[in-house]
């Protein structure tokens, strides 16, 4: 699971223009990084590619924290 967290933090930092050191499991995607719809779509596409999974739009809307993303990926990756 640590590998998933590390990669998710890298992608969040890259797509939401944040310093990787500032990306914590409890970080709120929309409040802490001002993630807007377009950035979240791009982030979800990068996550799908990085982890070879499909993330339905309704699931992306549930991603509030970095940990939510990690939990979803850990549960659904192949």
PDB file of N, CA and C in Angstrom:
ATOM      1  N   UNK A   1       0.832  -1.205   0.000  1.00  0.00           N
ATOM      2  CA  UNK A   1       0.000   0.000   0.000  1.00  0.00           C
ATOM      3  C   UNK A   1       0.868   1.258   0.000  1.00  0.00           C
ATOM      4  N   UNK A   2       2.066   1.152   0.548  1.00  0.00           N
ATOM      5  CA  UNK A   2       2.969   2.309   0.578  1.00  0.00           C
ATOM      6  C   UNK A   2       3.324   2.755  -0.844  1.00  0.00           C
ATOM      7  N   UNK A   3       3.508   1.792  -1.753  1.00  0.00           N
ATOM      8  CA  UNK A   3       3.809   2.138  -3.141  1.00  0.00           C
ATOM      9  C   UNK A   3       2.661   2.911  -3.771  1.00  0.00           C
ATOM     10  N   UNK A   4       1.437   2.502  -3.456  1.00  0.00           N
ATOM     11  CA  UNK A   4       0.263   3.201  -3.978  1.00  0.00           C
ATOM     12  C   UNK A   4       0.246   4.629  -3.441  1.00  0.00           C
ATOM     13  N   UNK A   5       0.468   4.786  -2.152  1.00  0.00           N
ATOM     14  CA  UNK A   5       0.471   6.122  -1.547  1.00  0.00           C
ATOM     15  C   UNK A   5       1.539   7.002  -2.188  1.00  0.00           C
ATOM     16  N   UNK A   6       2.721   6.463  -2.369  1.00  0.00           N
ATOM     17  CA  UNK A   6       3.819   7.240  -2.952  1.00  0.00           C
ATOM     18  C   UNK A   6       3.460   7.724  -4.352  1.00  0.00           C
ATOM     19  N   UNK A   7       2.929   6.827  -5.169  1.00  0.00           N
ATOM     20  CA  UNK A   7       2.586   7.191  -6.550  1.00  0.00           C
ATOM     21  C   UNK A   7       1.417   8.179  -6.587  1.00  0.00           C
ATOM     22  N   UNK A   8       0.427   7.961  -5.743  1.00  0.00           N
ATOM     23  CA  UNK A   8      -0.716   8.882  -5.684  1.00  0.00           C
ATOM     24  C   UNK A   8      -0.237  10.272  -5.276  1.00  0.00           C
ATOM     25  N   UNK A   9       0.628  10.346  -4.282  1.00  0.00           N
ATOM     26  CA  UNK A   9       1.155  11.650  -3.847  1.00  0.00           C
ATOM     27  C   UNK A   9       1.878  12.348  -4.993  1.00  0.00           C
ATOM     28  N   UNK A  10       2.664  11.590  -5.763  1.00  0.00           N
ATOM     29  CA  UNK A  10       3.379  12.168  -6.903  1.00  0.00           C
ATOM     30  C   UNK A  10       2.392  12.737  -7.924  1.00  0.00           C
ATOM     31  N   UNK A  11       1.357  11.959  -8.228  1.00  0.00           N
ATOM     32  CA  UNK A  11       0.383  12.399  -9.226  1.00  0.00           C
ATOM     33  C   UNK A  11      -0.448  13.583  -8.747  1.00  0.00           C
ATOM     34  N   UNK A  12      -0.832  13.566  -7.486  1.00  0.00           N
ATOM     35  CA  UNK A  12      -1.583  14.695  -6.928  1.00  0.00           C
ATOM     36  C   UNK A  12      -0.728  15.959  -6.990  1.00  0.00           C
ATOM     37  N   UNK A  13       0.527  15.841  -6.587  1.00  0.00           N
ATOM     38  CA  UNK A  13       1.423  16.994  -6.615  1.00  0.00           C
ATOM     39  C   UNK A  13       1.574  17.532  -8.035  1.00  0.00           C
ATOM     40  N   UNK A  14       1.736  16.633  -8.984  1.00  0.00           N
ATOM     41  CA  UNK A  14       1.933  17.036 -10.376  1.00  0.00           C
ATOM     42  C   UNK A  14       0.689  17.692 -10.971  1.00  0.00           C
ATOM     43  N   UNK A  15      -0.467  17.095 -10.772  1.00  0.00           N
ATOM     44  CA  UNK A  15      -1.683  17.576 -11.438  1.00  0.00           C
ATOM     45  C   UNK A  15      -2.397  18.696 -10.691  1.00  0.00           C
ATOM     46  N   UNK A  16      -2.119  18.841  -9.414  1.00  0.00           N
ATOM     47  CA  UNK A  16      -2.761  19.912  -8.649  1.00  0.00           C
ATOM     48  C   UNK A  16      -1.756  20.988  -8.239  1.00  0.00           C
ATOM     49  N   UNK A  17      -0.594  20.950  -8.876  1.00  0.00           N
ATOM     50  CA  UNK A  17       0.446  21.951  -8.678  1.00  0.00           C
ATOM     51  C   UNK A  17       0.736  22.211  -7.206  1.00  0.00           C
ATOM     52  N   UNK A  18       1.071  21.126  -6.512  1.00  0.00           N
ATOM     53  CA  UNK A  18       1.409  21.208  -5.089  1.00  0.00           C
ATOM     54  C   UNK A  18       2.796  20.613  -4.893  1.00  0.00           C
ATOM     55  N   UNK A  19       3.429  21.006  -3.820  1.00  0.00           N
ATOM     56  CA  UNK A  19       4.706  20.389  -3.466  1.00  0.00           C
ATOM     57  C   UNK A  19       4.406  19.006  -2.906  1.00  0.00           C
ATOM     58  N   UNK A  20       5.147  18.016  -3.367  1.00  0.00           N
ATOM     59  CA  UNK A  20       4.892  16.644  -2.920  1.00  0.00           C
ATOM     60  C   UNK A  20       4.960  16.520  -1.402  1.00  0.00           C
ATOM     61  N   UNK A  21       5.831  17.283  -0.777  1.00  0.00           N
ATOM     62  CA  UNK A  21       5.971  17.245   0.675  1.00  0.00           C
ATOM     63  C   UNK A  21       4.694  17.719   1.375  1.00  0.00           C
ATOM     64  N   UNK A  22       3.885  18.517   0.690  1.00  0.00           N
ATOM     65  CA  UNK A  22       2.636  19.033   1.262  1.00  0.00           C
ATOM     66  C   UNK A  22       1.459  18.072   1.087  1.00  0.00           C
ATOM     67  N   UNK A  23       1.652  17.026   0.302  1.00  0.00           N
ATOM     68  CA  UNK A  23       0.572  16.075   0.039  1.00  0.00           C
ATOM     69  C   UNK A  23       0.584  15.004   1.132  1.00  0.00           C
ATOM     70  N   UNK A  24      -0.419  15.054   1.983  1.00  0.00           N
ATOM     71  CA  UNK A  24      -0.551  14.122   3.113  1.00  0.00           C
ATOM     72  C   UNK A  24      -1.796  13.260   2.900  1.00  0.00           C
ATOM     73  N   UNK A  25      -1.875  12.111   3.572  1.00  0.00           N
ATOM     74  CA  UNK A  25      -3.078  11.275   3.444  1.00  0.00           C
ATOM     75  C   UNK A  25      -4.368  12.021   3.780  1.00  0.00           C
ATOM     76  N   UNK A  26      -4.289  12.947   4.716  1.00  0.00           N
ATOM     77  CA  UNK A  26      -5.487  13.679   5.146  1.00  0.00           C
ATOM     78  C   UNK A  26      -5.735  14.953   4.341  1.00  0.00           C
ATOM     79  N   UNK A  27      -4.859  15.250   3.387  1.00  0.00           N
ATOM     80  CA  UNK A  27      -5.025  16.462   2.578  1.00  0.00           C
ATOM     81  C   UNK A  27      -6.348  16.422   1.823  1.00  0.00           C
ATOM     82  N   UNK A  28      -7.076  17.524   1.877  1.00  0.00           N
ATOM     83  CA  UNK A  28      -8.350  17.657   1.175  1.00  0.00           C
ATOM     84  C   UNK A  28      -8.059  18.156  -0.241  1.00  0.00           C
ATOM     85  N   UNK A  29      -8.486  17.376  -1.211  1.00  0.00           N
ATOM     86  CA  UNK A  29      -8.172  17.673  -2.605  1.00  0.00           C
ATOM     87  C   UNK A  29      -8.688  19.042  -3.043  1.00  0.00           C
ATOM     88  N   UNK A  30      -9.908  19.374  -2.695  1.00  0.00           N
ATOM     89  CA  UNK A  30     -10.467  20.643  -3.172  1.00  0.00           C
ATOM     90  C   UNK A  30     -10.095  21.825  -2.290  1.00  0.00           C
ATOM     91  N   UNK A  31      -9.974  21.617  -1.003  1.00  0.00           N
ATOM     92  CA  UNK A  31      -9.665  22.734  -0.105  1.00  0.00           C
ATOM     93  C   UNK A  31      -8.176  23.031  -0.026  1.00  0.00           C
ATOM     94  N   UNK A  32      -7.359  21.992   0.175  1.00  0.00           N
ATOM     95  CA  UNK A  32      -5.922  22.210   0.340  1.00  0.00           C
ATOM     96  C   UNK A  32      -5.211  22.525  -0.974  1.00  0.00           C
ATOM     97  N   UNK A  33      -5.692  21.935  -2.078  1.00  0.00           N
ATOM     98  CA  UNK A  33      -5.004  22.106  -3.361  1.00  0.00           C
ATOM     99  C   UNK A  33      -5.852  22.823  -4.399  1.00  0.00           C
ATOM    100  N   UNK A  34      -7.026  23.270  -3.988  1.00  0.00           N
ATOM    101  CA  UNK A  34      -7.916  24.004  -4.876  1.00  0.00           C
ATOM    102  C   UNK A  34      -8.168  23.240  -6.174  1.00  0.00           C
ATOM    103  N   UNK A  35      -8.316  21.914  -6.041  1.00  0.00           N
ATOM    104  CA  UNK A  35      -8.578  21.066  -7.203  1.00  0.00           C
ATOM    105  C   UNK A  35      -9.942  21.383  -7.801  1.00  0.00           C
ATOM    106  N   UNK A  36      -9.943  21.821  -9.031  1.00  0.00           N
ATOM    107  CA  UNK A  36     -11.184  22.120  -9.738  1.00  0.00           C
ATOM    108  C   UNK A  36     -11.533  20.931 -10.624  1.00  0.00           C
ATOM    109  N   UNK A  37     -12.681  20.966 -11.199  1.00  0.00           N
ATOM    110  CA  UNK A  37     -13.201  19.842 -11.995  1.00  0.00           C
ATOM    111  C   UNK A  37     -12.199  19.394 -13.067  1.00  0.00           C
ATOM    112  N   UNK A  38     -11.654  20.331 -13.827  1.00  0.00           N
ATOM    113  CA  UNK A  38     -10.730  19.972 -14.903  1.00  0.00           C
ATOM    114  C   UNK A  38      -9.483  19.285 -14.353  1.00  0.00           C
ATOM    115  N   UNK A  39      -8.920  19.821 -13.287  1.00  0.00           N
ATOM    116  CA  UNK A  39      -7.733  19.214 -12.699  1.00  0.00           C
ATOM    117  C   UNK A  39      -8.040  17.817 -12.158  1.00  0.00           C
ATOM    118  N   UNK A  40      -9.234  17.661 -11.574  1.00  0.00           N
ATOM    119  CA  UNK A  40      -9.612  16.352 -11.038  1.00  0.00           C
ATOM    120  C   UNK A  40      -9.808  15.328 -12.149  1.00  0.00           C
ATOM    121  N   UNK A  41     -10.342  15.769 -13.271  1.00  0.00           N
ATOM    122  CA  UNK A  41     -10.497  14.869 -14.418  1.00  0.00           C
ATOM    123  C   UNK A  41      -9.120  14.436 -14.917  1.00  0.00           C
ATOM    124  N   UNK A  42      -8.218  15.383 -15.048  1.00  0.00           N
ATOM    125  CA  UNK A  42      -6.864  15.049 -15.500  1.00  0.00           C
ATOM    126  C   UNK A  42      -6.164  14.135 -14.497  1.00  0.00           C
ATOM    127  N   UNK A  43      -6.360  14.397 -13.220  1.00  0.00           N
ATOM    128  CA  UNK A  43      -5.772  13.549 -12.180  1.00  0.00           C
ATOM    129  C   UNK A  43      -6.341  12.137 -12.271  1.00  0.00           C
ATOM    130  N   UNK A  44      -7.638  12.020 -12.426  1.00  0.00           N
ATOM    131  CA  UNK A  44      -8.242  10.680 -12.494  1.00  0.00           C
ATOM    132  C   UNK A  44      -7.740   9.923 -13.721  1.00  0.00           C
ATOM    133  N   UNK A  45      -7.551  10.613 -14.832  1.00  0.00           N
ATOM    134  CA  UNK A  45      -7.017   9.971 -16.037  1.00  0.00           C
ATOM    135  C   UNK A  45      -5.584   9.490 -15.789  1.00  0.00           C
ATOM    136  N   UNK A  46      -4.792  10.291 -15.102  1.00  0.00           N
ATOM    137  CA  UNK A  46      -3.411   9.896 -14.787  1.00  0.00           C
ATOM    138  C   UNK A  46      -3.395   8.701 -13.832  1.00  0.00           C
ATOM    139  N   UNK A  47      -4.316   8.695 -12.866  1.00  0.00           N
ATOM    140  CA  UNK A  47      -4.417   7.572 -11.933  1.00  0.00           C
ATOM    141  C   UNK A  47      -4.813   6.297 -12.670  1.00  0.00           C
ATOM    142  N   UNK A  48      -5.758   6.419 -13.589  1.00  0.00           N
ATOM    143  CA  UNK A  48      -6.186   5.253 -14.366  1.00  0.00           C
ATOM    144  C   UNK A  48      -5.016   4.671 -15.156  1.00  0.00           C
ATOM    145  N   UNK A  49      -4.245   5.546 -15.771  1.00  0.00           N
ATOM    146  CA  UNK A  49      -3.109   5.094 -16.560  1.00  0.00           C
ATOM    147  C   UNK A  49      -2.017   4.489 -15.672  1.00  0.00           C
ATOM    148  N   UNK A  50      -1.719   5.144 -14.570  1.00  0.00           N
ATOM    149  CA  UNK A  50      -0.637   4.684 -13.690  1.00  0.00           C
ATOM    150  C   UNK A  50      -0.942   3.339 -13.041  1.00  0.00           C
ATOM    151  N   UNK A  51      -2.217   3.118 -12.716  1.00  0.00           N
ATOM    152  CA  UNK A  51      -2.582   1.901 -11.986  1.00  0.00           C
ATOM    153  C   UNK A  51      -3.376   0.908 -12.833  1.00  0.00           C
ATOM    154  N   UNK A  52      -3.545   1.204 -14.119  1.00  0.00           N
ATOM    155  CA  UNK A  52      -4.246   0.323 -15.045  1.00  0.00           C
ATOM    156  C   UNK A  52      -5.621  -0.066 -14.509  1.00  0.00           C
ATOM    157  N   UNK A  53      -6.392   0.959 -14.138  1.00  0.00           N
ATOM    158  CA  UNK A  53      -7.758   0.749 -13.656  1.00  0.00           C
ATOM    159  C   UNK A  53      -8.676   1.762 -14.319  1.00  0.00           C
ATOM    160  N   UNK A  54      -9.965   1.527 -14.181  1.00  0.00           N
ATOM    161  CA  UNK A  54     -10.965   2.484 -14.648  1.00  0.00           C
ATOM    162  C   UNK A  54     -11.656   3.045 -13.412  1.00  0.00           C
ATOM    163  N   UNK A  55     -11.714   4.364 -13.337  1.00  0.00           N
ATOM    164  CA  UNK A  55     -12.363   5.026 -12.206  1.00  0.00           C
ATOM    165  C   UNK A  55     -13.607   5.740 -12.728  1.00  0.00           C
ATOM    166  N   UNK A  56     -14.792   5.225 -12.404  1.00  0.00           N
ATOM    167  CA  UNK A  56     -16.022   5.886 -12.858  1.00  0.00           C
ATOM    168  C   UNK A  56     -16.129   7.309 -12.293  1.00  0.00           C
ATOM    169  N   UNK A  57     -16.770   8.182 -13.053  1.00  0.00           N
ATOM    170  CA  UNK A  57     -16.918   9.578 -12.638  1.00  0.00           C
ATOM    171  C   UNK A  57     -17.544   9.713 -11.257  1.00  0.00           C
ATOM    172  N   UNK A  58     -18.525   8.869 -10.954  1.00  0.00           N
ATOM    173  CA  UNK A  58     -19.183   8.960  -9.645  1.00  0.00           C
ATOM    174  C   UNK A  58     -18.220   8.623  -8.505  1.00  0.00           C
ATOM    175  N   UNK A  59     -17.207   7.820  -8.780  1.00  0.00           N
ATOM    176  CA  UNK A  59     -16.196   7.520  -7.756  1.00  0.00           C
ATOM    177  C   UNK A  59     -15.241   8.695  -7.590  1.00  0.00           C
ATOM    178  N   UNK A  60     -14.860   9.319  -8.697  1.00  0.00           N
ATOM    179  CA  UNK A  60     -13.961  10.476  -8.648  1.00  0.00           C
ATOM    180  C   UNK A  60     -14.578  11.571  -7.784  1.00  0.00           C
ATOM    181  N   UNK A  61     -15.882  11.750  -7.905  1.00  0.00           N
ATOM    182  CA  UNK A  61     -16.572  12.775  -7.120  1.00  0.00           C
ATOM    183  C   UNK A  61     -16.524  12.493  -5.623  1.00  0.00           C
ATOM    184  N   UNK A  62     -16.281  11.244  -5.244  1.00  0.00           N
ATOM    185  CA  UNK A  62     -16.208  10.867  -3.830  1.00  0.00           C
ATOM    186  C   UNK A  62     -14.814  11.099  -3.243  1.00  0.00           C
ATOM    187  N   UNK A  63     -13.834  11.334  -4.100  1.00  0.00           N
ATOM    188  CA  UNK A  63     -12.466  11.537  -3.625  1.00  0.00           C
ATOM    189  C   UNK A  63     -12.352  12.890  -2.926  1.00  0.00           C
ATOM    190  N   UNK A  64     -12.324  12.877  -1.625  1.00  0.00           N
ATOM    191  CA  UNK A  64     -12.187  14.110  -0.850  1.00  0.00           C
ATOM    192  C   UNK A  64     -10.753  14.282  -0.351  1.00  0.00           C
ATOM    193  N   UNK A  65     -10.136  13.169   0.047  1.00  0.00           N
ATOM    194  CA  UNK A  65      -8.769  13.229   0.568  1.00  0.00           C
ATOM    195  C   UNK A  65      -7.856  12.324  -0.252  1.00  0.00           C
ATOM    196  N   UNK A  66      -6.580  12.505  -0.065  1.00  0.00           N
ATOM    197  CA  UNK A  66      -5.587  11.654  -0.722  1.00  0.00           C
ATOM    198  C   UNK A  66      -5.800  10.205  -0.276  1.00  0.00           C
ATOM    199  N   UNK A  67      -6.108   9.991   0.985  1.00  0.00           N
ATOM    200  CA  UNK A  67      -6.337   8.635   1.490  1.00  0.00           C
ATOM    201  C   UNK A  67      -7.526   7.983   0.805  1.00  0.00           C
ATOM    202  N   UNK A  68      -8.572   8.742   0.491  1.00  0.00           N
ATOM    203  CA  UNK A  68      -9.716   8.184  -0.253  1.00  0.00           C
ATOM    204  C   UNK A  68      -9.260   7.604  -1.588  1.00  0.00           C
ATOM    205  N   UNK A  69      -8.381   8.317  -2.255  1.00  0.00           N
ATOM    206  CA  UNK A  69      -7.869   7.862  -3.551  1.00  0.00           C
ATOM    207  C   UNK A  69      -7.061   6.573  -3.372  1.00  0.00           C
ATOM    208  N   UNK A  70      -6.168   6.574  -2.391  1.00  0.00           N
ATOM    209  CA  UNK A  70      -5.325   5.397  -2.127  1.00  0.00           C
ATOM    210  C   UNK A  70      -6.185   4.186  -1.788  1.00  0.00           C
ATOM    211  N   UNK A  71      -7.186   4.378  -0.950  1.00  0.00           N
ATOM    212  CA  UNK A  71      -8.074   3.277  -0.565  1.00  0.00           C
ATOM    213  C   UNK A  71      -8.799   2.709  -1.782  1.00  0.00           C
ATOM    214  N   UNK A  72      -9.319   3.597  -2.623  1.00  0.00           N
ATOM    215  CA  UNK A  72     -10.035   3.141  -3.808  1.00  0.00           C
ATOM    216  C   UNK A  72      -9.106   2.343  -4.721  1.00  0.00           C
ATOM    217  N   UNK A  73      -7.932   2.866  -4.989  1.00  0.00           N
ATOM    218  CA  UNK A  73      -6.995   2.192  -5.877  1.00  0.00           C
ATOM    219  C   UNK A  73      -6.544   0.861  -5.290  1.00  0.00           C
ATOM    220  N   UNK A  74      -6.226   0.836  -4.005  1.00  0.00           N
ATOM    221  CA  UNK A  74      -5.783  -0.403  -3.369  1.00  0.00           C
ATOM    222  C   UNK A  74      -6.857  -1.483  -3.471  1.00  0.00           C
ATOM    223  N   UNK A  75      -8.101  -1.086  -3.348  1.00  0.00           N
ATOM    224  CA  UNK A  75      -9.210  -2.029  -3.396  1.00  0.00           C
ATOM    225  C   UNK A  75      -9.515  -2.501  -4.822  1.00  0.00           C
ATOM    226  N   UNK A  76      -9.253  -1.658  -5.815  1.00  0.00           N
ATOM    227  CA  UNK A  76      -9.680  -1.954  -7.194  1.00  0.00           C
ATOM    228  C   UNK A  76      -8.581  -2.266  -8.189  1.00  0.00           C
ATOM    229  N   UNK A  77      -7.324  -2.120  -7.813  1.00  0.00           N
ATOM    230  CA  UNK A  77      -6.265  -2.385  -8.801  1.00  0.00           C
ATOM    231  C   UNK A  77      -6.136  -3.888  -9.025  1.00  0.00           C
ATOM    232  N   UNK A  78      -5.638  -4.211 -10.186  1.00  0.00           N
ATOM    233  CA  UNK A  78      -5.513  -5.622 -10.594  1.00  0.00           C
ATOM    234  C   UNK A  78      -4.268  -6.255 -10.037  1.00  0.00           C
TER     235      UNK A  78
END
